[in-house]
Structure formats: C-alpha cells, structure tokens
Amino acid sequence: MFQRILLPVDGSLSMTPLVSTCLTFAAGIGAAVVAVHVVPPPDTADTALALATPAHAERILEQVADTARTLGVPCECQILTGAEPWREIVRAALDHHADLICMSSHGRHGASEHILASQTARVIEHAHLPVLLFR
C-alpha cells in the first residue's frame, strides 16, 4: 500500500515515540522512509524557528537513521531550508514521491507548540497525499 513514507521531525520530546512508531509501521509494510528536518534561512528573525540549526538538524536526523538501521528500514535523511516548514514538507513529499506523510500533531511545548500545530494543519491542507497524525 505505502512504499515511501515522509517523516518530518522537529527534535521535540514528542518526536521519539513518533519516530519509533512510524519506523515500526514502515518495517511492517516494507516501506522506505525519508526523514526531513526543516531549518530556517540564515536571516530568520523568528526566534522559535531560529533555534533550529543545520548542526542540530544533523543530530536529530542521525537519531532517526540509527533507529531505522536497527529496525532494518531503508531511510534517507535530508535537511531542508525554508521560512515556512509546511511548504518544504509538502515539496519534499512531492520530490521524493512519498505515498504518506507521518507527523506529530504536536511538537515542542510552550510558545513554539502553536507554530508547529499550525504547520501540521497547513501540511494537511496542502498535501495531496494521506497524512497520518500521531498524538
């Protein structure tokens, strides 16, 4: 049914169960995973987004890759750059010919949680493929 799953990750505490569940699901159906993390352009003034750096993204994606290797799931990791994460996620789904996007309905806590929830809503609104949400 699903052969390629896009897995956007943000580095929040809620990411760990999402990654584990998504990768276990992928292993069970024989799907490959493309994990992505969106970092803002270097000139971003938005402090909630400016905390995400390429070095931080590499560490997050390496954790995903390690879990995928453990489960025997083919996994490609990519750092994306953009001011609107939802737009980059939708574009990545198209570029990688994903059949499904698996993402969290909530991310970080505090002020940035609202931003991430709205990113999820926009992915659902603009993606032309199924989006599986985890709480």
C-alpha atoms as a PDB file:
ATOM      1  CA  MET A   1       0.000   0.000   0.000  1.00  0.00           C
ATOM      2  CA  PHE A   2       2.603   2.589   1.078  1.00  0.00           C
ATOM      3  CA  GLN A   3       6.101   2.281  -0.360  1.00  0.00           C
ATOM      4  CA  ARG A   4       7.703   5.584   0.654  1.00  0.00           C
ATOM      5  CA  ILE A   5       6.844   7.496   3.825  1.00  0.00           C
ATOM      6  CA  LEU A   6       7.911  11.073   4.509  1.00  0.00           C
ATOM      7  CA  LEU A   7       8.714  11.630   8.179  1.00  0.00           C
ATOM      8  CA  PRO A   8       9.164  15.293   9.191  1.00  0.00           C
ATOM      9  CA  VAL A   9      10.910  15.570  12.574  1.00  0.00           C
ATOM     10  CA  ASP A  10      11.383  18.637  14.741  1.00  0.00           C
ATOM     11  CA  GLY A  11      13.589  17.438  17.579  1.00  0.00           C
ATOM     12  CA  SER A  12      10.931  17.782  20.268  1.00  0.00           C
ATOM     13  CA  LEU A  13      10.388  15.291  23.086  1.00  0.00           C
ATOM     14  CA  SER A  14       7.271  14.026  21.303  1.00  0.00           C
ATOM     15  CA  MET A  15       9.438  13.063  18.338  1.00  0.00           C
ATOM     16  CA  THR A  16      10.853   9.860  19.858  1.00  0.00           C
ATOM     17  CA  PRO A  17       7.577   7.899  20.022  1.00  0.00           C
ATOM     18  CA  LEU A  18       6.603   9.250  16.586  1.00  0.00           C
ATOM     19  CA  VAL A  19       9.858   8.072  15.032  1.00  0.00           C
ATOM     20  CA  SER A  20       9.647   4.669  16.679  1.00  0.00           C
ATOM     21  CA  THR A  21       6.000   4.146  15.706  1.00  0.00           C
ATOM     22  CA  CYS A  22       6.461   5.360  12.136  1.00  0.00           C
ATOM     23  CA  LEU A  23       9.587   3.273  11.548  1.00  0.00           C
ATOM     24  CA  THR A  24       7.970   0.172  13.088  1.00  0.00           C
ATOM     25  CA  PHE A  25       4.982   0.723  10.792  1.00  0.00           C
ATOM     26  CA  ALA A  26       7.331   1.097   7.794  1.00  0.00           C
ATOM     27  CA  ALA A  27       9.174  -2.089   8.735  1.00  0.00           C
ATOM     28  CA  GLY A  28       5.901  -3.981   8.975  1.00  0.00           C
ATOM     29  CA  ILE A  29       4.761  -2.990   5.495  1.00  0.00           C
ATOM     30  CA  GLY A  30       8.172  -2.975   3.812  1.00  0.00           C
ATOM     31  CA  ALA A  31       8.215   0.777   3.145  1.00  0.00           C
ATOM     32  CA  ALA A  32      11.199   3.092   2.898  1.00  0.00           C
ATOM     33  CA  VAL A  33      11.309   6.324   4.902  1.00  0.00           C
ATOM     34  CA  VAL A  34      12.566   9.776   4.031  1.00  0.00           C
ATOM     35  CA  ALA A  35      13.156  11.744   7.240  1.00  0.00           C
ATOM     36  CA  VAL A  36      13.322  15.514   6.903  1.00  0.00           C
ATOM     37  CA  HIS A  37      14.057  18.392   9.235  1.00  0.00           C
ATOM     38  CA  VAL A  38      13.394  21.983   8.175  1.00  0.00           C
ATOM     39  CA  VAL A  39      15.780  24.728   9.242  1.00  0.00           C
ATOM     40  CA  PRO A  40      15.087  28.408   8.619  1.00  0.00           C
ATOM     41  CA  PRO A  41      17.108  30.541   6.228  1.00  0.00           C
ATOM     42  CA  PRO A  42      20.139  32.123   7.935  1.00  0.00           C
ATOM     43  CA  ASP A  43      18.500  35.559   8.098  1.00  0.00           C
ATOM     44  CA  THR A  44      15.393  34.399  10.006  1.00  0.00           C
ATOM     45  CA  ALA A  45      14.249  36.797  12.728  1.00  0.00           C
ATOM     46  CA  ASP A  46      11.654  34.356  14.149  1.00  0.00           C
ATOM     47  CA  THR A  47      13.219  33.176  17.418  1.00  0.00           C
ATOM     48  CA  ALA A  48      11.128  29.977  17.605  1.00  0.00           C
ATOM     49  CA  LEU A  49      12.461  28.895  14.225  1.00  0.00           C
ATOM     50  CA  ALA A  50      15.947  30.355  14.595  1.00  0.00           C
ATOM     51  CA  LEU A  51      16.803  27.744  17.247  1.00  0.00           C
ATOM     52  CA  ALA A  52      16.936  25.102  14.507  1.00  0.00           C
ATOM     53  CA  THR A  53      20.428  24.975  13.021  1.00  0.00           C
ATOM     54  CA  PRO A  54      21.877  22.588  10.425  1.00  0.00           C
ATOM     55  CA  ALA A  55      24.137  21.035  13.096  1.00  0.00           C
ATOM     56  CA  HIS A  56      21.130  20.430  15.344  1.00  0.00           C
ATOM     57  CA  ALA A  57      19.207  19.001  12.378  1.00  0.00           C
ATOM     58  CA  GLU A  58      22.059  16.577  11.631  1.00  0.00           C
ATOM     59  CA  ARG A  59      21.965  15.247  15.199  1.00  0.00           C
ATOM     60  CA  ILE A  60      18.187  14.801  15.058  1.00  0.00           C
ATOM     61  CA  LEU A  61      18.315  13.014  11.710  1.00  0.00           C
ATOM     62  CA  GLU A  62      21.174  10.770  12.844  1.00  0.00           C
ATOM     63  CA  GLN A  63      18.949   9.536  15.687  1.00  0.00           C
ATOM     64  CA  VAL A  64      16.245   8.708  13.143  1.00  0.00           C
ATOM     65  CA  ALA A  65      18.765   6.934  10.896  1.00  0.00           C
ATOM     66  CA  ASP A  66      20.081   4.886  13.845  1.00  0.00           C
ATOM     67  CA  THR A  67      16.566   3.728  14.740  1.00  0.00           C
ATOM     68  CA  ALA A  68      15.843   2.900  11.095  1.00  0.00           C
ATOM     69  CA  ARG A  69      19.040   0.810  10.841  1.00  0.00           C
ATOM     70  CA  THR A  70      18.070  -1.075  13.998  1.00  0.00           C
ATOM     71  CA  LEU A  71      14.659  -1.898  12.508  1.00  0.00           C
ATOM     72  CA  GLY A  72      16.032  -2.673   9.046  1.00  0.00           C
ATOM     73  CA  VAL A  73      14.112   0.160   7.391  1.00  0.00           C
ATOM     74  CA  PRO A  74      15.667   1.880   4.376  1.00  0.00           C
ATOM     75  CA  CYS A  75      15.934   5.527   5.429  1.00  0.00           C
ATOM     76  CA  GLU A  76      17.161   8.627   3.677  1.00  0.00           C
ATOM     77  CA  CYS A  77      17.649  11.804   5.715  1.00  0.00           C
ATOM     78  CA  GLN A  78      17.530  15.336   4.386  1.00  0.00           C
ATOM     79  CA  ILE A  79      17.860  18.817   5.859  1.00  0.00           C
ATOM     80  CA  LEU A  80      15.525  21.290   4.189  1.00  0.00           C
ATOM     81  CA  THR A  81      15.757  25.076   4.350  1.00  0.00           C
ATOM     82  CA  GLY A  82      12.737  27.350   4.309  1.00  0.00           C
ATOM     83  CA  ALA A  83      10.865  30.001   6.244  1.00  0.00           C
ATOM     84  CA  GLU A  84       7.626  28.007   6.072  1.00  0.00           C
ATOM     85  CA  PRO A  85       8.260  24.416   7.187  1.00  0.00           C
ATOM     86  CA  TRP A  86       4.888  23.172   5.942  1.00  0.00           C
ATOM     87  CA  ARG A  87       5.743  24.295   2.416  1.00  0.00           C
ATOM     88  CA  GLU A  88       9.086  22.449   2.486  1.00  0.00           C
ATOM     89  CA  ILE A  89       7.428  19.302   3.855  1.00  0.00           C
ATOM     90  CA  VAL A  90       4.808  19.267   1.086  1.00  0.00           C
ATOM     91  CA  ARG A  91       7.505  19.922  -1.531  1.00  0.00           C
ATOM     92  CA  ALA A  92       9.670  17.117  -0.137  1.00  0.00           C
ATOM     93  CA  ALA A  93       6.725  14.706  -0.309  1.00  0.00           C
ATOM     94  CA  LEU A  94       6.356  15.512  -3.997  1.00  0.00           C
ATOM     95  CA  ASP A  95      10.102  15.441  -4.728  1.00  0.00           C
ATOM     96  CA  HIS A  96      10.537  12.055  -3.055  1.00  0.00           C
ATOM     97  CA  HIS A  97       7.309  10.571  -4.475  1.00  0.00           C
ATOM     98  CA  ALA A  98       6.022   9.834  -0.975  1.00  0.00           C
ATOM     99  CA  ASP A  99       2.785   7.866  -0.578  1.00  0.00           C
ATOM    100  CA  LEU A 100       2.216   9.012   3.009  1.00  0.00           C
ATOM    101  CA  ILE A 101       3.345  11.721   5.418  1.00  0.00           C
ATOM    102  CA  CYS A 102       3.615  10.663   9.082  1.00  0.00           C
ATOM    103  CA  MET A 103       3.892  13.534  11.507  1.00  0.00           C
ATOM    104  CA  SER A 104       3.055  14.636  15.004  1.00  0.00           C
ATOM    105  CA  SER A 105       0.007  16.717  15.766  1.00  0.00           C
ATOM    106  CA  HIS A 106       2.042  18.477  18.460  1.00  0.00           C
ATOM    107  CA  GLY A 107       5.689  19.387  18.694  1.00  0.00           C
ATOM    108  CA  ARG A 108       7.627  21.403  21.190  1.00  0.00           C
ATOM    109  CA  HIS A 109       5.893  22.790  24.234  1.00  0.00           C
ATOM    110  CA  GLY A 110       5.421  26.439  25.044  1.00  0.00           C
ATOM    111  CA  ALA A 111       5.275  29.256  22.522  1.00  0.00           C
ATOM    112  CA  SER A 112       6.548  27.206  19.588  1.00  0.00           C
ATOM    113  CA  GLU A 113       3.888  24.484  20.032  1.00  0.00           C
ATOM    114  CA  HIS A 114       1.266  26.714  18.397  1.00  0.00           C
ATOM    115  CA  ILE A 115       3.596  27.355  15.464  1.00  0.00           C
ATOM    116  CA  LEU A 116       4.178  23.637  14.961  1.00  0.00           C
ATOM    117  CA  ALA A 117       0.496  22.783  15.260  1.00  0.00           C
ATOM    118  CA  SER A 118      -0.271  25.320  12.561  1.00  0.00           C
ATOM    119  CA  GLN A 119       2.481  23.807  10.389  1.00  0.00           C
ATOM    120  CA  THR A 120       0.794  20.412  10.717  1.00  0.00           C
ATOM    121  CA  ALA A 121      -2.579  21.921   9.787  1.00  0.00           C
ATOM    122  CA  ARG A 122      -1.076  23.500   6.688  1.00  0.00           C
ATOM    123  CA  VAL A 123       0.556  20.237   5.616  1.00  0.00           C
ATOM    124  CA  ILE A 124      -2.830  18.523   5.912  1.00  0.00           C
ATOM    125  CA  GLU A 125      -4.462  21.315   3.928  1.00  0.00           C
ATOM    126  CA  HIS A 126      -1.912  21.412   1.088  1.00  0.00           C
ATOM    127  CA  ALA A 127      -0.594  17.864   0.749  1.00  0.00           C
ATOM    128  CA  HIS A 128      -2.173  15.822  -1.988  1.00  0.00           C
ATOM    129  CA  LEU A 129      -1.499  12.537  -0.236  1.00  0.00           C
ATOM    130  CA  PRO A 130      -2.562  10.943   3.038  1.00  0.00           C
ATOM    131  CA  VAL A 131      -1.206  12.411   6.268  1.00  0.00           C
ATOM    132  CA  LEU A 132      -1.087  10.137   9.310  1.00  0.00           C
ATOM    133  CA  LEU A 133      -1.039  12.131  12.562  1.00  0.00           C
ATOM    134  CA  PHE A 134       0.350  10.910  15.849  1.00  0.00           C
ATOM    135  CA  ARG A 135      -0.568  12.470  19.192  1.00  0.00           C
END
